[in-house]
Amino acid sequence: MVFLGFDMLVGVLVVGGCLKDIWHRVIPKWCTVGIFLLAVTVNILKFGWLSGIINTLTGALFLTSMYLMLGVMFKQRLGGGDWKLIIALGAYVGWNDMSGLLPIQLFFAGIMELLHFAVRSKAILPWSFVMAFKDRLIAELYGYADPVVYAYGPFIGLPFIFFLLLKNYLLFLI
């Protein structure tokens, strides 16, 4: 609860970066660098100098390696701003809270992707969604699918904001 102000400031920076990514396909440096500097500050205040820096760097490296592994598996191409946002968010969470962030990040990013696909393919009924998904999967497997340009910032940032809300408000009530 002591670091709630830092969490709110990081949430504002993430929302600003996600909106800029949606509108212009660019995550600005003021967003990612600001989050990383707040990450270093918060972790040093929580754990001391050496432990705070180690926690920051291990969190950044762990979340980056997870996204790198997923990117190689699913052949997704993230831009430079997306990688900087992943590094900054991993640094902010640190190694200690990573076990809480990863399931939320993967679950909500998957749900958001399914909703985005349903809206993009105009699949309203479940059967039309399944057929559109099958057609897209076959097109991608045989290499004749049109490339889809995503703004990955919201898929990275919004689950992180939900994690902060869960960590600060919902778990505090229990």
Protein backbone atom coordinates (compact mmCIF):
# COMPACT_ATOMS: atom_id res chain seq x y z
CA MET A 1 0.00 0.00 0.00
CA VAL A 2 3.00 2.27 0.51
CA PHE A 3 3.89 2.20 -3.17
CA LEU A 4 0.36 2.88 -4.43
CA GLY A 5 1.36 6.28 -5.82
CA PHE A 6 4.12 4.68 -7.87
CA ASP A 7 1.67 2.06 -9.15
CA MET A 8 -0.80 4.76 -10.17
CA LEU A 9 1.90 6.72 -12.00
CA VAL A 10 3.05 3.58 -13.81
CA GLY A 11 -0.57 2.84 -14.72
CA VAL A 12 -0.95 6.32 -16.23
CA LEU A 13 2.26 5.87 -18.23
CA VAL A 14 1.14 2.45 -19.48
CA VAL A 15 -2.27 3.78 -20.54
CA GLY A 16 -0.60 6.71 -22.32
CA GLY A 17 1.79 4.38 -24.12
CA CYS A 18 -1.02 1.99 -25.10
CA LEU A 19 -3.15 4.81 -26.50
CA LYS A 20 -0.22 6.18 -28.49
CA ASP A 21 0.45 2.66 -29.79
CA ILE A 22 -3.17 2.24 -30.90
CA TRP A 23 -3.27 5.61 -32.66
CA HIS A 24 0.23 5.82 -34.16
CA ARG A 25 1.77 2.32 -33.79
CA VAL A 26 4.55 3.81 -31.65
CA ILE A 27 5.21 3.40 -27.95
CA PRO A 28 7.04 6.58 -26.90
CA LYS A 29 10.31 6.57 -25.02
CA TRP A 30 8.89 8.78 -22.26
CA CYS A 31 6.59 5.90 -21.39
CA THR A 32 9.14 3.10 -21.32
CA VAL A 33 12.03 5.06 -19.82
CA GLY A 34 9.71 6.57 -17.20
CA ILE A 35 8.45 3.16 -16.16
CA PHE A 36 11.98 1.76 -16.02
CA LEU A 37 13.21 4.66 -13.85
CA LEU A 38 10.24 4.21 -11.53
CA ALA A 39 11.03 0.48 -11.45
CA VAL A 40 14.58 1.10 -10.31
CA THR A 41 13.39 3.62 -7.71
CA VAL A 42 10.67 1.38 -6.28
CA ASN A 43 12.84 -1.71 -6.11
CA ILE A 44 15.70 0.18 -4.44
CA LEU A 45 13.25 1.60 -1.89
CA LYS A 46 11.76 -1.85 -1.24
CA PHE A 47 14.89 -4.00 -1.14
CA GLY A 48 17.94 -1.75 -0.79
CA TRP A 49 20.57 -0.87 -3.39
CA LEU A 50 22.03 -4.16 -4.49
CA SER A 51 18.93 -6.33 -4.01
CA GLY A 52 16.74 -3.71 -5.66
CA ILE A 53 18.91 -3.51 -8.77
CA ILE A 54 19.19 -7.31 -8.97
CA ASN A 55 15.40 -7.64 -8.59
CA THR A 56 14.85 -5.03 -11.32
CA LEU A 57 17.23 -6.67 -13.79
CA THR A 58 16.07 -10.23 -13.17
CA GLY A 59 12.42 -9.21 -13.57
CA ALA A 60 13.21 -7.44 -16.84
CA LEU A 61 15.24 -10.36 -18.17
CA PHE A 62 12.69 -12.98 -17.13
CA LEU A 63 9.67 -11.25 -18.71
CA THR A 64 11.68 -10.48 -21.85
CA SER A 65 12.78 -14.10 -22.17
CA MET A 66 9.19 -15.30 -21.77
CA TYR A 67 7.98 -13.00 -24.54
CA LEU A 68 10.96 -13.93 -26.70
CA MET A 69 10.13 -17.60 -26.30
CA LEU A 70 6.46 -16.96 -27.14
CA GLY A 71 7.47 -14.81 -30.11
CA VAL A 72 9.64 -17.58 -31.52
CA MET A 73 6.92 -20.18 -30.95
CA PHE A 74 4.14 -18.17 -32.56
CA LYS A 75 6.27 -16.22 -35.07
CA GLN A 76 5.05 -12.85 -33.81
CA ARG A 77 7.11 -9.83 -34.67
CA LEU A 78 7.15 -7.22 -31.96
CA GLY A 79 8.47 -3.74 -32.59
CA GLY A 80 11.18 -2.01 -30.59
CA GLY A 81 8.73 -0.08 -28.44
CA ASP A 82 6.93 -3.28 -27.51
CA TRP A 83 10.20 -4.84 -26.33
CA LYS A 84 11.07 -1.72 -24.34
CA LEU A 85 7.63 -1.80 -22.72
CA ILE A 86 8.08 -5.49 -21.82
CA ILE A 87 11.49 -4.77 -20.30
CA ALA A 88 10.15 -1.80 -18.32
CA LEU A 89 7.14 -3.70 -16.99
CA GLY A 90 9.25 -6.70 -16.06
CA ALA A 91 11.66 -4.39 -14.27
CA TYR A 92 8.82 -2.73 -12.38
CA VAL A 93 7.30 -6.01 -11.23
CA GLY A 94 10.68 -7.53 -10.44
CA TRP A 95 11.44 -11.13 -9.80
CA ASN A 96 9.34 -11.37 -6.62
CA ASP A 97 5.91 -10.70 -8.20
CA MET A 98 6.56 -12.40 -11.54
CA SER A 99 4.59 -15.50 -10.52
CA GLY A 100 1.51 -13.32 -10.16
CA LEU A 101 2.02 -11.35 -13.37
CA LEU A 102 2.70 -14.15 -15.87
CA PRO A 103 -0.60 -16.06 -15.58
CA ILE A 104 -2.59 -12.83 -15.72
CA GLN A 105 -0.52 -11.55 -18.64
CA LEU A 106 -0.93 -14.72 -20.69
CA PHE A 107 -4.60 -15.25 -19.87
CA PHE A 108 -5.76 -11.71 -20.58
CA ALA A 109 -3.58 -11.31 -23.66
CA GLY A 110 -5.16 -14.49 -25.04
CA ILE A 111 -8.70 -13.31 -24.27
CA MET A 112 -7.96 -9.90 -25.81
CA GLU A 113 -6.56 -11.58 -28.93
CA LEU A 114 -9.69 -13.72 -29.32
CA LEU A 115 -11.92 -10.67 -28.96
CA HIS A 116 -9.77 -8.72 -31.41
CA PHE A 117 -9.99 -11.58 -33.92
CA ALA A 118 -13.78 -11.83 -33.50
CA VAL A 119 -14.22 -8.10 -34.13
CA ARG A 120 -11.79 -8.05 -37.05
CA SER A 121 -13.39 -11.03 -38.78
CA LYS A 122 -16.94 -9.86 -37.92
CA ALA A 123 -17.65 -13.23 -36.30
CA ILE A 124 -20.66 -12.69 -34.07
CA LEU A 125 -21.98 -16.22 -33.64
CA PRO A 126 -19.79 -18.98 -32.22
CA TRP A 127 -20.01 -21.03 -35.42
CA SER A 128 -18.95 -18.10 -37.60
CA PHE A 129 -16.04 -17.46 -35.21
CA VAL A 130 -14.89 -21.09 -35.50
CA MET A 131 -15.14 -21.01 -39.30
CA ALA A 132 -13.27 -17.69 -39.54
CA PHE A 133 -10.59 -19.01 -37.20
CA LYS A 134 -10.23 -22.20 -39.25
CA ASP A 135 -9.95 -20.20 -42.49
CA ARG A 136 -7.32 -17.88 -40.99
CA LEU A 137 -5.34 -20.82 -39.60
CA ILE A 138 -5.31 -22.60 -42.97
CA ALA A 139 -4.32 -19.37 -44.73
CA GLU A 140 -1.43 -18.84 -42.32
CA LEU A 141 -0.26 -22.45 -42.58
CA TYR A 142 -0.11 -22.31 -46.37
CA GLY A 143 1.40 -18.83 -46.42
CA TYR A 144 -1.24 -16.90 -48.34
CA ALA A 145 -2.72 -14.96 -45.42
CA ASP A 146 -2.48 -11.20 -45.45
CA PRO A 147 -0.20 -9.95 -42.69
CA VAL A 148 -2.10 -8.37 -39.83
CA VAL A 149 -0.53 -5.32 -38.26
CA TYR A 150 -1.17 -5.23 -34.54
CA ALA A 151 -0.69 -2.63 -31.91
CA TYR A 152 0.76 -5.01 -29.31
CA GLY A 153 1.01 -2.35 -26.60
CA PRO A 154 -2.52 -2.88 -25.27
CA PHE A 155 -2.01 -6.66 -25.23
CA ILE A 156 1.05 -6.09 -23.04
CA GLY A 157 -0.06 -3.10 -20.97
CA LEU A 158 -3.68 -3.74 -20.05
CA PRO A 159 -3.07 -7.12 -18.35
CA PHE A 160 -0.29 -5.39 -16.41
CA ILE A 161 -2.73 -2.71 -15.22
CA PHE A 162 -5.15 -5.46 -14.17
CA PHE A 163 -2.29 -7.10 -12.25
CA LEU A 164 -1.61 -3.83 -10.42
CA LEU A 165 -5.31 -3.47 -9.55
CA LEU A 166 -5.45 -7.06 -8.37
CA LYS A 167 -2.30 -6.70 -6.31
CA ASN A 168 -3.27 -3.41 -4.65
CA TYR A 169 -7.03 -3.58 -4.23
CA LEU A 170 -8.49 -7.05 -4.57
CA LEU A 171 -5.85 -8.94 -2.59
CA PHE A 172 -5.80 -6.17 0.01
CA LEU A 173 -9.50 -6.77 0.71
CA ILE A 174 -9.12 -10.50 1.31
